[in-house]
């Protein structure tokens, strides 16, 4: 329960500007404040752990699904308006689950 109290406090006191990028970035920072790290919480036995596999949000106005995974902290996006959503075919994307490092030198 304390995770949800922390989340409510963080949400109430966090700041971002009105841009899409800032709002989405802030959303993921808020969620990160309460995510579970692998190895900290046992599920059924000492070799099985509960952890946050992925976090996601959707901008329903723009049709963009944002996500990041435990293995890749970069925010990834899928724009639903770039797909034919009236098709009978299932549209899938592989999760980007490997960290990408941005080397500066």
Protein backbone atom coordinates (compact mmCIF):
# COMPACT_ATOMS: atom_id res chain seq x y z
CA UNK A 1 0.00 0.00 0.00
CA UNK A 2 2.87 2.40 0.70
CA UNK A 3 3.85 2.27 -2.99
CA UNK A 4 0.47 3.73 -3.93
CA UNK A 5 0.78 6.48 -1.30
CA UNK A 6 4.22 7.34 -2.68
CA UNK A 7 2.81 7.33 -6.22
CA UNK A 8 -0.05 9.68 -5.24
CA UNK A 9 2.37 12.05 -3.49
CA UNK A 10 4.78 12.04 -6.44
CA UNK A 11 1.98 12.62 -8.94
CA UNK A 12 0.58 15.52 -6.92
CA UNK A 13 3.95 17.24 -6.54
CA UNK A 14 5.67 16.56 -9.85
CA UNK A 15 6.12 19.22 -12.53
CA UNK A 16 6.24 19.07 -16.31
CA UNK A 17 5.46 21.45 -19.11
CA UNK A 18 2.61 20.96 -21.59
CA UNK A 19 4.60 19.24 -24.33
CA UNK A 20 3.94 15.60 -25.20
CA UNK A 21 7.58 14.64 -24.62
CA UNK A 22 7.71 16.28 -21.21
CA UNK A 23 4.42 14.77 -20.07
CA UNK A 24 5.32 11.25 -21.20
CA UNK A 25 8.81 11.52 -19.70
CA UNK A 26 7.36 12.72 -16.39
CA UNK A 27 4.80 9.90 -16.41
CA UNK A 28 7.56 7.28 -16.65
CA UNK A 29 9.58 8.98 -13.91
CA UNK A 30 6.54 8.88 -11.64
CA UNK A 31 6.00 5.18 -12.33
CA UNK A 32 9.70 4.47 -11.82
CA UNK A 33 9.44 5.80 -8.29
CA UNK A 34 7.40 2.72 -7.33
CA UNK A 35 8.60 0.01 -9.72
CA UNK A 36 9.85 -3.33 -8.39
CA UNK A 37 13.45 -4.35 -9.08
CA UNK A 38 14.27 -7.94 -9.98
CA UNK A 39 15.47 -9.91 -6.98
CA UNK A 40 13.83 -7.88 -4.22
CA UNK A 41 10.49 -9.69 -3.80
CA UNK A 42 9.99 -13.48 -3.82
CA UNK A 43 6.88 -14.86 -5.52
CA UNK A 44 6.71 -18.57 -4.70
CA UNK A 45 10.28 -19.69 -4.18
CA UNK A 46 13.74 -18.15 -3.79
CA UNK A 47 14.42 -18.43 -7.54
CA UNK A 48 11.23 -16.63 -8.68
CA UNK A 49 10.90 -12.90 -8.19
CA UNK A 50 8.22 -10.29 -8.71
CA UNK A 51 9.40 -7.27 -10.69
CA UNK A 52 8.08 -4.62 -13.05
CA UNK A 53 8.32 -6.24 -16.49
CA UNK A 54 7.18 -3.15 -18.39
CA UNK A 55 5.46 0.21 -17.93
CA UNK A 56 3.21 1.84 -20.50
CA UNK A 57 0.86 4.70 -21.23
CA UNK A 58 -1.32 5.77 -24.14
CA UNK A 59 -2.10 9.17 -25.58
CA UNK A 60 -5.65 8.39 -26.70
CA UNK A 61 -5.97 11.70 -28.57
CA UNK A 62 -2.97 10.97 -30.79
CA UNK A 63 -3.21 7.17 -30.80
CA UNK A 64 0.33 6.67 -29.53
CA UNK A 65 1.25 3.78 -27.21
CA UNK A 66 4.41 4.41 -25.16
CA UNK A 67 6.29 1.72 -23.27
CA UNK A 68 9.57 0.80 -21.69
CA UNK A 69 10.69 -2.57 -20.42
CA UNK A 70 12.78 -3.79 -17.52
CA UNK A 71 15.61 -4.54 -19.94
CA UNK A 72 15.35 -1.24 -21.85
CA UNK A 73 14.71 2.03 -20.03
CA UNK A 74 14.42 4.00 -23.27
CA UNK A 75 10.84 5.07 -24.01
CA UNK A 76 9.53 3.39 -27.16
CA UNK A 77 6.43 4.46 -29.08
CA UNK A 78 3.99 2.90 -31.52
CA UNK A 79 1.74 5.28 -33.46
CA UNK A 80 -1.53 3.45 -34.07
CA UNK A 81 -2.50 5.91 -36.81
CA UNK A 82 0.39 4.62 -38.92
CA UNK A 83 -1.33 1.22 -39.16
CA UNK A 84 -4.48 0.01 -40.88
CA UNK A 85 -6.62 -0.68 -37.83
CA UNK A 86 -9.54 -1.92 -39.94
CA UNK A 87 -7.66 -5.02 -41.05
CA UNK A 88 -8.48 -8.54 -39.92
CA UNK A 89 -4.77 -9.24 -39.44
CA UNK A 90 -3.22 -9.00 -36.00
CA UNK A 91 -0.51 -6.35 -35.92
CA UNK A 92 2.34 -7.05 -33.52
CA UNK A 93 5.69 -5.51 -32.71
CA UNK A 94 8.54 -7.23 -30.91
CA UNK A 95 9.35 -5.59 -27.58
CA UNK A 96 12.57 -3.63 -27.60
CA UNK A 97 13.92 -5.31 -24.49
CA UNK A 98 17.66 -4.71 -24.80
CA UNK A 99 19.22 -1.57 -23.39
CA UNK A 100 20.65 0.89 -25.90
CA UNK A 101 23.60 2.98 -24.75
CA UNK A 102 24.22 6.40 -26.21
CA UNK A 103 28.00 6.73 -26.22
CA UNK A 104 29.16 10.35 -26.21
CA UNK A 105 32.76 9.72 -27.27
